[in-house]
Amino acid sequence: MRHTEFWARMSAALGESYAPVWSSQQVMASLGGRTVDQALADGLSPKQVWRAVVERLELPESER
């Protein structure tokens, strides 16, 4: 998964305006106590981060 696809999915799940806010504020244990933004900046793959987001938001299996 590329970063562009990741952000498109984030926007679809949370809305274009809220996705960047959520990704900068939600600290997730599954990302090592980091936010989405921090995890991506630290080099975690967008696919790995997306899996954590799907789990946190309890998105349907089809979103995985």
PDB file of N, CA and C in Angstrom:
ATOM      1  N   MET A   1       0.841  -1.171   0.000  1.00  0.00           N
ATOM      2  CA  MET A   1       0.000   0.000   0.000  1.00  0.00           C
ATOM      3  C   MET A   1       0.892   1.242   0.000  1.00  0.00           C
ATOM      4  N   ARG A   2       0.553   2.168  -0.835  1.00  0.00           N
ATOM      5  CA  ARG A   2       1.288   3.439  -0.886  1.00  0.00           C
ATOM      6  C   ARG A   2       0.653   4.454   0.062  1.00  0.00           C
ATOM      7  N   HIS A   3       1.390   5.482   0.357  1.00  0.00           N
ATOM      8  CA  HIS A   3       0.888   6.528   1.248  1.00  0.00           C
ATOM      9  C   HIS A   3      -0.373   7.175   0.671  1.00  0.00           C
ATOM     10  N   THR A   4      -0.419   7.351  -0.638  1.00  0.00           N
ATOM     11  CA  THR A   4      -1.602   7.985  -1.237  1.00  0.00           C
ATOM     12  C   THR A   4      -2.848   7.133  -1.029  1.00  0.00           C
ATOM     13  N   GLU A   5      -2.712   5.827  -1.171  1.00  0.00           N
ATOM     14  CA  GLU A   5      -3.848   4.941  -0.933  1.00  0.00           C
ATOM     15  C   GLU A   5      -4.234   4.954   0.547  1.00  0.00           C
ATOM     16  N   PHE A   6      -3.233   4.956   1.410  1.00  0.00           N
ATOM     17  CA  PHE A   6      -3.502   5.019   2.850  1.00  0.00           C
ATOM     18  C   PHE A   6      -4.342   6.247   3.179  1.00  0.00           C
ATOM     19  N   TRP A   7      -3.921   7.410   2.689  1.00  0.00           N
ATOM     20  CA  TRP A   7      -4.642   8.646   3.022  1.00  0.00           C
ATOM     21  C   TRP A   7      -6.011   8.698   2.367  1.00  0.00           C
ATOM     22  N   ALA A   8      -6.158   8.107   1.211  1.00  0.00           N
ATOM     23  CA  ALA A   8      -7.487   8.024   0.585  1.00  0.00           C
ATOM     24  C   ALA A   8      -8.419   7.181   1.449  1.00  0.00           C
ATOM     25  N   ARG A   9      -7.903   6.074   1.980  1.00  0.00           N
ATOM     26  CA  ARG A   9      -8.711   5.225   2.862  1.00  0.00           C
ATOM     27  C   ARG A   9      -9.038   5.938   4.172  1.00  0.00           C
ATOM     28  N   MET A  10      -8.078   6.669   4.702  1.00  0.00           N
ATOM     29  CA  MET A  10      -8.337   7.433   5.926  1.00  0.00           C
ATOM     30  C   MET A  10      -9.447   8.455   5.699  1.00  0.00           C
ATOM     31  N   SER A  11      -9.379   9.143   4.575  1.00  0.00           N
ATOM     32  CA  SER A  11     -10.410  10.136   4.252  1.00  0.00           C
ATOM     33  C   SER A  11     -11.772   9.486   4.074  1.00  0.00           C
ATOM     34  N   ALA A  12     -11.802   8.319   3.455  1.00  0.00           N
ATOM     35  CA  ALA A  12     -13.069   7.611   3.263  1.00  0.00           C
ATOM     36  C   ALA A  12     -13.643   7.159   4.605  1.00  0.00           C
ATOM     37  N   ALA A  13     -12.788   6.756   5.519  1.00  0.00           N
ATOM     38  CA  ALA A  13     -13.240   6.243   6.813  1.00  0.00           C
ATOM     39  C   ALA A  13     -13.647   7.351   7.778  1.00  0.00           C
ATOM     40  N   LEU A  14     -12.902   8.454   7.754  1.00  0.00           N
ATOM     41  CA  LEU A  14     -13.104   9.503   8.766  1.00  0.00           C
ATOM     42  C   LEU A  14     -13.560  10.844   8.207  1.00  0.00           C
ATOM     43  N   GLY A  15     -13.510  10.989   6.916  1.00  0.00           N
ATOM     44  CA  GLY A  15     -13.820  12.282   6.312  1.00  0.00           C
ATOM     45  C   GLY A  15     -12.544  13.040   6.012  1.00  0.00           C
ATOM     46  N   GLU A  16     -12.580  13.779   4.961  1.00  0.00           N
ATOM     47  CA  GLU A  16     -11.387  14.488   4.491  1.00  0.00           C
ATOM     48  C   GLU A  16     -10.844  15.475   5.521  1.00  0.00           C
ATOM     49  N   SER A  17     -11.729  16.129   6.253  1.00  0.00           N
ATOM     50  CA  SER A  17     -11.290  17.126   7.234  1.00  0.00           C
ATOM     51  C   SER A  17     -10.814  16.504   8.533  1.00  0.00           C
ATOM     52  N   TYR A  18     -11.472  15.431   8.964  1.00  0.00           N
ATOM     53  CA  TYR A  18     -11.166  14.858  10.274  1.00  0.00           C
ATOM     54  C   TYR A  18      -9.997  13.877  10.244  1.00  0.00           C
ATOM     55  N   ALA A  19      -9.749  13.229   9.127  1.00  0.00           N
ATOM     56  CA  ALA A  19      -8.678  12.225   9.049  1.00  0.00           C
ATOM     57  C   ALA A  19      -7.320  12.777   9.496  1.00  0.00           C
ATOM     58  N   PRO A  20      -6.896  13.953   9.032  1.00  0.00           N
ATOM     59  CA  PRO A  20      -5.586  14.448   9.476  1.00  0.00           C
ATOM     60  C   PRO A  20      -5.561  14.812  10.960  1.00  0.00           C
ATOM     61  N   VAL A  21      -6.683  15.276  11.485  1.00  0.00           N
ATOM     62  CA  VAL A  21      -6.757  15.611  12.911  1.00  0.00           C
ATOM     63  C   VAL A  21      -6.642  14.336  13.739  1.00  0.00           C
ATOM     64  N   TRP A  22      -7.435  13.327  13.379  1.00  0.00           N
ATOM     65  CA  TRP A  22      -7.431  12.051  14.097  1.00  0.00           C
ATOM     66  C   TRP A  22      -6.046  11.420  14.055  1.00  0.00           C
ATOM     67  N   SER A  23      -5.427  11.431  12.883  1.00  0.00           N
ATOM     68  CA  SER A  23      -4.120  10.778  12.727  1.00  0.00           C
ATOM     69  C   SER A  23      -3.011  11.473  13.513  1.00  0.00           C
ATOM     70  N   SER A  24      -3.206  12.722  13.825  1.00  0.00           N
ATOM     71  CA  SER A  24      -2.180  13.442  14.589  1.00  0.00           C
ATOM     72  C   SER A  24      -2.430  13.412  16.087  1.00  0.00           C
ATOM     73  N   GLN A  25      -3.641  12.972  16.512  1.00  0.00           N
ATOM     74  CA  GLN A  25      -3.970  13.047  17.933  1.00  0.00           C
ATOM     75  C   GLN A  25      -4.184  11.703  18.619  1.00  0.00           C
ATOM     76  N   GLN A  26      -4.595  10.690  17.887  1.00  0.00           N
ATOM     77  CA  GLN A  26      -4.904   9.396  18.506  1.00  0.00           C
ATOM     78  C   GLN A  26      -3.634   8.571  18.725  1.00  0.00           C
ATOM     79  N   VAL A  27      -3.269   8.393  19.972  1.00  0.00           N
ATOM     80  CA  VAL A  27      -2.113   7.563  20.321  1.00  0.00           C
ATOM     81  C   VAL A  27      -2.603   6.122  20.413  1.00  0.00           C
ATOM     82  N   MET A  28      -1.904   5.229  19.728  1.00  0.00           N
ATOM     83  CA  MET A  28      -2.357   3.847  19.645  1.00  0.00           C
ATOM     84  C   MET A  28      -1.286   2.896  20.173  1.00  0.00           C
ATOM     85  N   ALA A  29      -1.678   2.054  21.119  1.00  0.00           N
ATOM     86  CA  ALA A  29      -0.754   1.072  21.689  1.00  0.00           C
ATOM     87  C   ALA A  29      -0.229   0.132  20.612  1.00  0.00           C
ATOM     88  N   SER A  30      -1.090  -0.204  19.650  1.00  0.00           N
ATOM     89  CA  SER A  30      -0.681  -1.132  18.585  1.00  0.00           C
ATOM     90  C   SER A  30       0.379  -0.532  17.661  1.00  0.00           C
ATOM     91  N   LEU A  31       0.590   0.753  17.781  1.00  0.00           N
ATOM     92  CA  LEU A  31       1.654   1.415  17.007  1.00  0.00           C
ATOM     93  C   LEU A  31       2.802   1.821  17.928  1.00  0.00           C
ATOM     94  N   GLY A  32       2.917   1.138  19.041  1.00  0.00           N
ATOM     95  CA  GLY A  32       4.013   1.417  19.969  1.00  0.00           C
ATOM     96  C   GLY A  32       3.844   2.718  20.730  1.00  0.00           C
ATOM     97  N   GLY A  33       2.591   3.094  21.000  1.00  0.00           N
ATOM     98  CA  GLY A  33       2.342   4.334  21.730  1.00  0.00           C
ATOM     99  C   GLY A  33       2.554   5.571  20.888  1.00  0.00           C
ATOM    100  N   ARG A  34       2.381   5.414  19.590  1.00  0.00           N
ATOM    101  CA  ARG A  34       2.561   6.540  18.664  1.00  0.00           C
ATOM    102  C   ARG A  34       1.237   6.872  17.979  1.00  0.00           C
ATOM    103  N   THR A  35       1.183   8.050  17.422  1.00  0.00           N
ATOM    104  CA  THR A  35       0.062   8.414  16.568  1.00  0.00           C
ATOM    105  C   THR A  35       0.310   7.843  15.174  1.00  0.00           C
ATOM    106  N   VAL A  36      -0.694   7.896  14.328  1.00  0.00           N
ATOM    107  CA  VAL A  36      -0.534   7.471  12.932  1.00  0.00           C
ATOM    108  C   VAL A  36       0.578   8.274  12.280  1.00  0.00           C
ATOM    109  N   ASP A  37       0.545   9.578  12.468  1.00  0.00           N
ATOM    110  CA  ASP A  37       1.568  10.438  11.856  1.00  0.00           C
ATOM    111  C   ASP A  37       2.973  10.067  12.324  1.00  0.00           C
ATOM    112  N   GLN A  38       3.124   9.832  13.612  1.00  0.00           N
ATOM    113  CA  GLN A  38       4.431   9.468  14.148  1.00  0.00           C
ATOM    114  C   GLN A  38       4.889   8.111  13.620  1.00  0.00           C
ATOM    115  N   ALA A  39       3.970   7.163  13.564  1.00  0.00           N
ATOM    116  CA  ALA A  39       4.313   5.823  13.083  1.00  0.00           C
ATOM    117  C   ALA A  39       4.785   5.874  11.634  1.00  0.00           C
ATOM    118  N   LEU A  40       4.083   6.626  10.810  1.00  0.00           N
ATOM    119  CA  LEU A  40       4.489   6.751   9.402  1.00  0.00           C
ATOM    120  C   LEU A  40       5.837   7.468   9.292  1.00  0.00           C
ATOM    121  N   ALA A  41       6.021   8.509  10.080  1.00  0.00           N
ATOM    122  CA  ALA A  41       7.286   9.249  10.059  1.00  0.00           C
ATOM    123  C   ALA A  41       8.444   8.378  10.536  1.00  0.00           C
ATOM    124  N   ASP A  42       8.161   7.431  11.433  1.00  0.00           N
ATOM    125  CA  ASP A  42       9.195   6.536  11.947  1.00  0.00           C
ATOM    126  C   ASP A  42       9.476   5.366  11.014  1.00  0.00           C
ATOM    127  N   GLY A  43       8.772   5.313   9.885  1.00  0.00           N
ATOM    128  CA  GLY A  43       9.076   4.302   8.890  1.00  0.00           C
ATOM    129  C   GLY A  43       8.190   3.073   8.870  1.00  0.00           C
ATOM    130  N   LEU A  44       7.146   3.024   9.707  1.00  0.00           N
ATOM    131  CA  LEU A  44       6.221   1.898   9.620  1.00  0.00           C
ATOM    132  C   LEU A  44       5.515   1.956   8.273  1.00  0.00           C
ATOM    133  N   SER A  45       5.226   0.813   7.721  1.00  0.00           N
ATOM    134  CA  SER A  45       4.594   0.788   6.407  1.00  0.00           C
ATOM    135  C   SER A  45       3.142   1.254   6.514  1.00  0.00           C
ATOM    136  N   PRO A  46       2.650   1.925   5.492  1.00  0.00           N
ATOM    137  CA  PRO A  46       1.246   2.346   5.496  1.00  0.00           C
ATOM    138  C   PRO A  46       0.292   1.167   5.699  1.00  0.00           C
ATOM    139  N   LYS A  47       0.636   0.010   5.167  1.00  0.00           N
ATOM    140  CA  LYS A  47      -0.215  -1.168   5.327  1.00  0.00           C
ATOM    141  C   LYS A  47      -0.306  -1.577   6.793  1.00  0.00           C
ATOM    142  N   GLN A  48       0.810  -1.583   7.486  1.00  0.00           N
ATOM    143  CA  GLN A  48       0.831  -1.930   8.908  1.00  0.00           C
ATOM    144  C   GLN A  48       0.026  -0.913   9.719  1.00  0.00           C
ATOM    145  N   VAL A  49       0.197   0.357   9.405  1.00  0.00           N
ATOM    146  CA  VAL A  49      -0.520   1.411  10.120  1.00  0.00           C
ATOM    147  C   VAL A  49      -2.018   1.306   9.815  1.00  0.00           C
ATOM    148  N   TRP A  50      -2.363   1.017   8.560  1.00  0.00           N
ATOM    149  CA  TRP A  50      -3.770   0.884   8.193  1.00  0.00           C
ATOM    150  C   TRP A  50      -4.429  -0.250   8.981  1.00  0.00           C
ATOM    151  N   ARG A  51      -3.743  -1.358   9.146  1.00  0.00           N
ATOM    152  CA  ARG A  51      -4.295  -2.472   9.931  1.00  0.00           C
ATOM    153  C   ARG A  51      -4.611  -2.033  11.358  1.00  0.00           C
ATOM    154  N   ALA A  52      -3.732  -1.233  11.932  1.00  0.00           N
ATOM    155  CA  ALA A  52      -3.961  -0.724  13.287  1.00  0.00           C
ATOM    156  C   ALA A  52      -5.166   0.221  13.317  1.00  0.00           C
ATOM    157  N   VAL A  53      -5.299   1.035  12.292  1.00  0.00           N
ATOM    158  CA  VAL A  53      -6.439   1.961  12.202  1.00  0.00           C
ATOM    159  C   VAL A  53      -7.744   1.177  12.068  1.00  0.00           C
ATOM    160  N   VAL A  54      -7.745   0.173  11.205  1.00  0.00           N
ATOM    161  CA  VAL A  54      -8.941  -0.656  11.003  1.00  0.00           C
ATOM    162  C   VAL A  54      -9.375  -1.278  12.321  1.00  0.00           C
ATOM    163  N   GLU A  55      -8.413  -1.792  13.056  1.00  0.00           N
ATOM    164  CA  GLU A  55      -8.710  -2.408  14.350  1.00  0.00           C
ATOM    165  C   GLU A  55      -9.259  -1.384  15.331  1.00  0.00           C
ATOM    166  N   ARG A  56      -8.619  -0.238  15.408  1.00  0.00           N
ATOM    167  CA  ARG A  56      -9.021   0.811  16.370  1.00  0.00           C
ATOM    168  C   ARG A  56     -10.418   1.332  16.066  1.00  0.00           C
ATOM    169  N   LEU A  57     -10.704   1.537  14.780  1.00  0.00           N
ATOM    170  CA  LEU A  57     -12.008   2.088  14.386  1.00  0.00           C
ATOM    171  C   LEU A  57     -13.082   1.014  14.234  1.00  0.00           C
ATOM    172  N   GLU A  58     -12.660  -0.241  14.387  1.00  0.00           N
ATOM    173  CA  GLU A  58     -13.569  -1.369  14.232  1.00  0.00           C
ATOM    174  C   GLU A  58     -14.295  -1.314  12.876  1.00  0.00           C
ATOM    175  N   LEU A  59     -13.495  -1.082  11.829  1.00  0.00           N
ATOM    176  CA  LEU A  59     -14.034  -1.051  10.474  1.00  0.00           C
ATOM    177  C   LEU A  59     -14.360  -2.466  10.025  1.00  0.00           C
ATOM    178  N   PRO A  60     -15.255  -2.593   9.062  1.00  0.00           N
ATOM    179  CA  PRO A  60     -15.633  -3.936   8.590  1.00  0.00           C
ATOM    180  C   PRO A  60     -14.452  -4.685   7.984  1.00  0.00           C
ATOM    181  N   GLU A  61     -14.569  -5.974   7.994  1.00  0.00           N
ATOM    182  CA  GLU A  61     -13.515  -6.850   7.467  1.00  0.00           C
ATOM    183  C   GLU A  61     -13.143  -6.484   6.027  1.00  0.00           C
ATOM    184  N   SER A  62     -14.097  -5.997   5.272  1.00  0.00           N
ATOM    185  CA  SER A  62     -13.853  -5.637   3.869  1.00  0.00           C
ATOM    186  C   SER A  62     -12.873  -4.485   3.713  1.00  0.00           C
ATOM    187  N   GLU A  63     -12.630  -3.748   4.768  1.00  0.00           N
ATOM    188  CA  GLU A  63     -11.697  -2.612   4.711  1.00  0.00           C
ATOM    189  C   GLU A  63     -10.252  -3.015   4.934  1.00  0.00           C
ATOM    190  N   ARG A  64     -10.019  -4.239   5.327  1.00  0.00           N
ATOM    191  CA  ARG A  64      -8.654  -4.678   5.652  1.00  0.00           C
ATOM    192  C   ARG A  64      -7.802  -4.891   4.473  1.00  0.00           C
TER     193      ARG A  64
END
